[in-house]
Amino acid sequence: MKTHHYGLATQSLEKSLLEFKKLGYEKIGDVIFDPLQGVNLLFIKNENDHLIEFVQPVNDKNPVSQIIKKNGTSLYHICYEIDNFEEKIRELKKQRFIQVIQPIPAIAFDNRKICFLYNSSIGLIELLEK
């Protein structure tokens, strides 16, 4: 599995962007609204091509809102881009990962499928269909 990006839960895209710019990151593209997930997304990267996805919930009922309430602005998932999407989900479930959502198309990735899984020892991961 190849690391694609790290997800940062944030209440303010603008404030997070200002702080990450101090660390050498630059914005990639514009803010994307994802109606299926109920979030605004913004991508940034640095000179080493470390890609970070800012995830801002659009309402208090969104699961990302709960993460922010509990932990504040924080990194909360690692995304892996994979070839064998459905097969990898089955494999991870056998390895005691819990599927958090069914695969859905992601507007930020040209409608390629994503799926979130959780493991109590490592936290939340996102799989992105290659």
Protein backbone atom coordinates (compact mmCIF):
# COMPACT_ATOMS: atom_id res chain seq x y z
CA MET A 1 0.00 0.00 0.00
CA LYS A 2 1.37 3.38 -1.01
CA THR A 3 0.79 6.36 1.29
CA HIS A 4 -1.24 8.98 -0.57
CA HIS A 5 -1.94 11.64 2.06
CA TYR A 6 -2.54 12.41 5.73
CA GLY A 7 -5.92 13.75 6.85
CA LEU A 8 -6.13 16.69 9.26
CA ALA A 9 -9.42 17.44 11.00
CA THR A 10 -9.78 21.21 11.33
CA GLN A 11 -12.46 23.70 12.23
CA SER A 12 -10.79 26.37 10.06
CA LEU A 13 -9.17 25.70 6.70
CA GLU A 14 -7.79 29.25 6.66
CA LYS A 15 -6.14 29.10 10.09
CA SER A 16 -4.61 25.69 9.42
CA LEU A 17 -3.32 26.87 6.05
CA LEU A 18 -1.65 29.93 7.61
CA GLU A 19 0.17 27.76 10.14
CA PHE A 20 1.26 25.11 7.64
CA LYS A 21 2.60 27.82 5.30
CA LYS A 22 5.08 28.64 8.08
CA LEU A 23 6.32 25.05 7.72
CA GLY A 24 6.82 25.35 3.97
CA TYR A 25 3.50 23.97 2.71
CA GLU A 26 1.55 25.45 -0.18
CA LYS A 27 -2.10 25.15 -1.15
CA ILE A 28 -2.98 22.90 -4.11
CA GLY A 29 -6.14 23.95 -5.90
CA ASP A 30 -9.29 25.35 -4.37
CA VAL A 31 -11.56 24.26 -1.55
CA ILE A 32 -13.68 21.26 -2.53
CA PHE A 33 -17.12 20.62 -1.00
CA ASP A 34 -17.90 16.91 -0.72
CA PRO A 35 -21.66 16.54 -0.19
CA LEU A 36 -21.47 12.76 0.44
CA GLN A 37 -19.13 13.26 3.38
CA GLY A 38 -20.45 16.67 4.43
CA VAL A 39 -17.01 18.28 4.50
CA ASN A 40 -14.92 20.97 2.88
CA LEU A 41 -11.52 19.74 1.70
CA LEU A 42 -8.28 21.52 0.92
CA PHE A 43 -4.99 19.93 -0.09
CA ILE A 44 -1.51 21.21 0.69
CA LYS A 45 1.96 19.86 0.05
CA ASN A 46 5.56 20.75 0.78
CA GLU A 47 8.79 20.52 -1.23
CA ASN A 48 9.04 16.80 -0.33
CA ASP A 49 5.58 16.19 -1.81
CA HIS A 50 4.05 15.36 1.59
CA LEU A 51 0.35 15.71 0.84
CA ILE A 52 -2.04 16.74 3.62
CA GLU A 53 -5.80 16.91 3.26
CA PHE A 54 -7.56 19.44 5.48
CA VAL A 55 -11.02 18.16 6.38
CA GLN A 56 -13.49 20.73 7.72
CA PRO A 57 -16.96 19.50 8.74
CA VAL A 58 -19.91 21.56 7.50
CA ASN A 59 -22.11 20.78 10.52
CA ASP A 60 -21.91 19.52 14.11
CA LYS A 61 -23.40 16.10 13.25
CA ASN A 62 -20.47 15.17 11.03
CA PRO A 63 -18.11 12.50 12.47
CA VAL A 64 -15.16 14.84 11.90
CA SER A 65 -16.84 17.36 14.24
CA GLN A 66 -16.68 14.74 16.98
CA ILE A 67 -12.96 14.22 16.35
CA ILE A 68 -12.36 17.97 16.64
CA LYS A 69 -14.44 18.20 19.84
CA LYS A 70 -12.44 15.37 21.38
CA ASN A 71 -8.93 16.13 20.09
CA GLY A 72 -8.97 19.62 18.57
CA THR A 73 -7.31 20.13 15.22
CA SER A 74 -5.36 16.94 14.65
CA LEU A 75 -4.09 14.40 12.16
CA TYR A 76 -6.66 11.64 12.22
CA HIS A 77 -6.17 9.37 9.21
CA ILE A 78 -3.61 8.03 6.77
CA CYS A 79 -4.76 7.38 3.21
CA TYR A 80 -3.31 4.57 1.12
CA GLU A 81 -3.75 4.36 -2.63
CA ILE A 82 -4.23 0.75 -3.71
CA ASP A 83 -4.75 -1.27 -6.88
CA ASN A 84 -6.90 -4.09 -5.51
CA PHE A 85 -9.51 -2.05 -3.68
CA GLU A 86 -12.24 -4.60 -2.83
CA GLU A 87 -9.70 -7.35 -2.17
CA LYS A 88 -7.74 -5.14 0.25
CA ILE A 89 -10.91 -4.28 2.18
CA ARG A 90 -11.69 -7.98 2.62
CA GLU A 91 -8.10 -8.70 3.65
CA LEU A 92 -8.05 -5.91 6.25
CA LYS A 93 -11.39 -7.02 7.69
CA LYS A 94 -9.87 -10.47 8.22
CA GLN A 95 -7.04 -8.71 10.07
CA ARG A 96 -9.51 -7.18 12.56
CA PHE A 97 -10.04 -3.83 10.88
CA ILE A 98 -13.57 -2.50 11.20
CA GLN A 99 -15.10 -0.96 8.10
CA VAL A 100 -16.44 2.45 9.10
CA ILE A 101 -18.24 3.29 5.84
CA GLN A 102 -19.12 1.47 2.67
CA PRO A 103 -17.01 2.44 -0.35
CA ILE A 104 -18.20 5.72 -1.85
CA PRO A 105 -17.03 7.88 -4.75
CA ALA A 106 -14.80 10.77 -3.67
CA ILE A 107 -15.28 14.04 -5.50
CA ALA A 108 -11.74 15.13 -4.53
CA PHE A 109 -10.27 12.13 -6.36
CA ASP A 110 -12.24 12.19 -9.62
CA ASN A 111 -14.91 9.92 -8.11
CA ARG A 112 -12.51 7.08 -7.40
CA LYS A 113 -13.80 5.02 -4.48
CA ILE A 114 -12.69 5.55 -0.90
CA CYS A 115 -13.36 3.49 2.21
CA PHE A 116 -12.47 4.13 5.85
CA LEU A 117 -11.41 1.33 8.20
CA TYR A 118 -10.47 1.41 11.87
CA ASN A 119 -8.07 -0.65 13.96
CA SER A 120 -7.75 0.01 17.69
CA SER A 121 -3.96 -0.27 17.56
CA ILE A 122 -3.36 2.19 14.71
CA GLY A 123 -6.52 4.24 14.32
CA LEU A 124 -8.32 5.25 11.15
CA ILE A 125 -7.09 4.56 7.63
CA GLU A 126 -8.57 5.50 4.29
CA LEU A 127 -8.22 3.37 1.19
CA LEU A 128 -8.24 5.12 -2.17
CA GLU A 129 -8.89 3.18 -5.34
CA LYS A 130 -6.01 3.61 -7.78
